[in-house]
Amino acid sequence: MSEKKNKDSRVKWLVTVFITTFILSLFFNYISTGAISNLDVIPAIIILVAVILLGILFDIIGVAVTVADEKEFHAMATKKIKGSKCAIKLIRNSAKVASICADVIGDIAGVLSGAISAIIALKISNVYTLDFNIQFLLSAVVASLTVGGKAIGKGIAQKYTTKIVAAVSKILSIFSR
């Protein structure tokens, strides 16, 4: 009986992740590509960098939660430090939290940065009437920034795990009942 309940829970989680990803991706792609199309190149590049940084930030959070030590937050909870109970919940659900942060939000940011870089490449090509396709170069820069940023971020997440999880849980505790 427990095995069936466990399987049902996993299926429910997969469906939830799929639907959440679909809706968020649709929403952010619609908003960002529509907004980017109407912007000049420099503001569009600023938004592109922000999307890349957002993906890196959420990857850092996902890693930090998976390597965090729950015991530290139990000590904080006994001292009634704000967010400590939320941190314990995050750590106990670290696989789901990491999936949402690194996979859902991180992957959406990756797809979004690709779409934004394509729009920026078109804008640059139109403004400067370039003879070559700048999209290849821009895609390589975006990929390098994303992968390099996430690689650096993983080290940061491991080094400052407790501080990151504490900060995230304090923010989340503001929204909890």
Protein backbone atom coordinates (compact mmCIF):
# COMPACT_ATOMS: atom_id res chain seq x y z
CA MET A 1 0.00 0.00 0.00
CA SER A 2 2.82 2.39 0.89
CA GLU A 3 4.51 1.72 -2.45
CA LYS A 4 1.35 2.68 -4.38
CA LYS A 5 0.97 5.84 -2.30
CA ASN A 6 4.62 6.70 -2.99
CA LYS A 7 4.15 6.15 -6.73
CA ASP A 8 0.98 8.28 -6.74
CA SER A 9 2.89 11.02 -4.93
CA ARG A 10 5.67 10.95 -7.56
CA VAL A 11 3.16 11.06 -10.41
CA LYS A 12 1.36 13.99 -8.78
CA TRP A 13 4.72 15.77 -8.35
CA LEU A 14 5.64 15.19 -12.01
CA VAL A 15 2.29 16.53 -13.20
CA THR A 16 2.63 19.55 -10.90
CA VAL A 17 6.14 20.30 -12.18
CA PHE A 18 5.04 19.89 -15.80
CA ILE A 19 2.05 22.20 -15.46
CA THR A 20 3.97 24.77 -13.40
CA THR A 21 6.82 24.82 -15.89
CA PHE A 22 4.44 25.13 -18.83
CA ILE A 23 2.51 28.02 -17.31
CA LEU A 24 5.58 29.91 -16.07
CA SER A 25 7.41 29.41 -19.34
CA LEU A 26 4.43 30.57 -21.37
CA PHE A 27 3.96 33.61 -19.15
CA PHE A 28 7.60 34.70 -19.01
CA ASN A 29 8.23 34.04 -22.70
CA TYR A 30 5.16 36.02 -23.71
CA ILE A 31 5.97 38.95 -21.43
CA SER A 32 9.68 39.08 -22.12
CA THR A 33 9.71 38.55 -25.88
CA GLY A 34 6.86 41.00 -26.31
CA ALA A 35 8.61 43.54 -24.12
CA ILE A 36 12.05 42.95 -25.65
CA SER A 37 10.72 43.44 -29.17
CA ASN A 38 9.74 46.99 -28.25
CA LEU A 39 13.00 47.92 -26.52
CA ASP A 40 16.27 49.31 -27.79
CA VAL A 41 19.35 47.06 -27.77
CA ILE A 42 20.89 48.27 -24.48
CA PRO A 43 17.78 47.79 -22.29
CA ALA A 44 17.23 44.42 -23.98
CA ILE A 45 20.80 43.38 -23.10
CA ILE A 46 20.24 44.48 -19.49
CA ILE A 47 17.14 42.28 -19.31
CA LEU A 48 19.08 39.41 -20.89
CA VAL A 49 21.79 39.71 -18.23
CA ALA A 50 19.10 39.85 -15.51
CA VAL A 51 17.51 36.64 -16.82
CA ILE A 52 20.90 34.90 -16.88
CA LEU A 53 21.63 36.07 -13.32
CA LEU A 54 18.19 34.90 -12.19
CA GLY A 55 18.91 31.41 -13.55
CA ILE A 56 22.27 31.37 -11.78
CA LEU A 57 20.75 32.61 -8.50
CA PHE A 58 18.10 29.91 -8.46
CA ASP A 59 20.69 27.27 -9.30
CA ILE A 60 22.68 28.46 -6.27
CA ILE A 61 19.59 28.18 -4.08
CA GLY A 62 18.87 24.67 -5.37
CA VAL A 63 22.40 23.49 -4.62
CA ALA A 64 22.51 25.18 -1.21
CA VAL A 65 19.30 23.51 -0.09
CA THR A 66 20.51 20.07 -1.13
CA VAL A 67 23.80 20.34 0.79
CA ALA A 68 22.47 22.20 3.85
CA ASP A 69 22.65 20.61 7.31
CA GLU A 70 19.25 20.49 8.98
CA LYS A 71 20.82 20.39 12.47
CA GLU A 72 22.03 23.98 12.20
CA PHE A 73 18.48 25.16 11.62
CA HIS A 74 17.09 23.11 14.50
CA ALA A 75 19.44 25.08 16.75
CA MET A 76 18.18 28.31 15.20
CA ALA A 77 14.55 27.18 15.64
CA THR A 78 15.08 26.65 19.37
CA LYS A 79 16.28 30.27 19.54
CA LYS A 80 13.15 31.29 17.58
CA ILE A 81 15.19 32.78 14.73
CA LYS A 82 12.91 33.90 11.92
CA GLY A 83 12.84 31.54 8.96
CA SER A 84 14.48 28.59 10.70
CA LYS A 85 11.36 26.41 10.56
CA CYS A 86 10.94 27.28 6.90
CA ALA A 87 14.59 26.33 6.31
CA ILE A 88 13.97 22.92 7.88
CA LYS A 89 11.01 22.38 5.53
CA LEU A 90 13.16 23.41 2.55
CA ILE A 91 15.92 20.99 3.53
CA ARG A 92 13.50 18.13 4.16
CA ASN A 93 12.07 18.73 0.68
CA SER A 94 15.45 19.45 -0.90
CA ALA A 95 14.86 17.28 -3.98
CA LYS A 96 11.68 19.16 -4.82
CA VAL A 97 13.17 22.54 -3.98
CA ALA A 98 16.23 21.83 -6.12
CA SER A 99 13.99 20.64 -8.94
CA ILE A 100 11.93 23.81 -8.85
CA CYS A 101 14.91 26.15 -8.46
CA ALA A 102 17.48 24.55 -10.75
CA ASP A 103 15.27 22.73 -13.22
CA VAL A 104 12.04 24.67 -13.54
CA ILE A 105 13.27 28.24 -13.00
CA GLY A 106 16.82 27.59 -14.22
CA ASP A 107 15.71 25.91 -17.42
CA ILE A 108 13.05 28.53 -18.11
CA ALA A 109 15.73 31.20 -17.67
CA GLY A 110 17.94 29.30 -20.12
CA VAL A 111 15.22 29.06 -22.77
CA LEU A 112 14.22 32.65 -22.15
CA SER A 113 17.79 33.92 -22.49
CA GLY A 114 18.03 32.08 -25.81
CA ALA A 115 14.85 33.72 -27.09
CA ILE A 116 15.94 37.14 -25.86
CA SER A 117 19.40 36.75 -27.42
CA ALA A 118 17.75 35.89 -30.77
CA ILE A 119 15.65 39.07 -30.62
CA ILE A 120 18.73 41.12 -29.67
CA ALA A 121 20.68 39.57 -32.55
CA LEU A 122 17.93 40.58 -34.98
CA LYS A 123 17.91 44.11 -33.58
CA ILE A 124 21.69 44.43 -33.87
CA SER A 125 21.66 43.01 -37.38
CA ASN A 126 18.94 45.41 -38.47
CA VAL A 127 20.51 48.48 -36.87
CA TYR A 128 24.05 47.85 -38.10
CA THR A 129 23.21 45.90 -41.29
CA LEU A 130 25.72 43.16 -40.52
CA ASP A 131 26.77 40.69 -43.21
CA PHE A 132 27.16 37.77 -40.79
CA ASN A 133 24.76 36.09 -38.40
CA ILE A 134 25.57 37.52 -34.97
CA GLN A 135 23.17 35.03 -33.33
CA PHE A 136 25.90 32.36 -33.27
CA LEU A 137 28.24 34.64 -31.36
CA LEU A 138 25.54 35.93 -29.02
CA SER A 139 24.28 32.40 -28.27
CA ALA A 140 27.82 31.31 -27.42
CA VAL A 141 28.27 34.28 -25.07
CA VAL A 142 24.93 33.59 -23.35
CA ALA A 143 25.74 29.88 -22.96
CA SER A 144 29.20 30.66 -21.60
CA LEU A 145 27.87 33.18 -19.10
CA THR A 146 25.15 30.78 -17.97
CA VAL A 147 27.33 27.68 -17.62
CA GLY A 148 30.27 29.60 -16.16
CA GLY A 149 28.01 31.46 -13.75
CA LYS A 150 26.37 28.25 -12.58
CA ALA A 151 29.77 26.60 -12.11
CA ILE A 152 30.94 29.50 -9.93
CA GLY A 153 27.56 29.52 -8.21
CA LYS A 154 27.85 25.89 -7.16
CA GLY A 155 31.06 26.70 -5.29
CA ILE A 156 29.39 29.68 -3.64
CA ALA A 157 26.39 27.52 -2.70
CA GLN A 158 28.60 24.93 -1.06
CA LYS A 159 30.69 27.50 0.80
CA TYR A 160 27.81 29.64 2.08
CA THR A 161 25.06 27.01 2.36
CA THR A 162 23.73 28.05 5.75
CA LYS A 163 23.66 31.75 4.93
CA ILE A 164 21.92 31.16 1.59
CA VAL A 165 19.27 28.82 3.01
CA ALA A 166 18.72 31.16 5.97
CA ALA A 167 18.26 34.16 3.67
CA VAL A 168 15.87 32.31 1.36
CA SER A 169 13.86 30.93 4.27
CA LYS A 170 13.57 34.40 5.85
CA ILE A 171 12.18 35.73 2.58
CA LEU A 172 9.80 32.78 2.21
CA SER A 173 8.65 33.03 5.83
CA ILE A 174 7.31 36.49 5.08
CA PHE A 175 4.81 34.88 2.70
CA SER A 176 3.91 31.90 4.88
CA ARG A 177 0.95 31.90 7.19
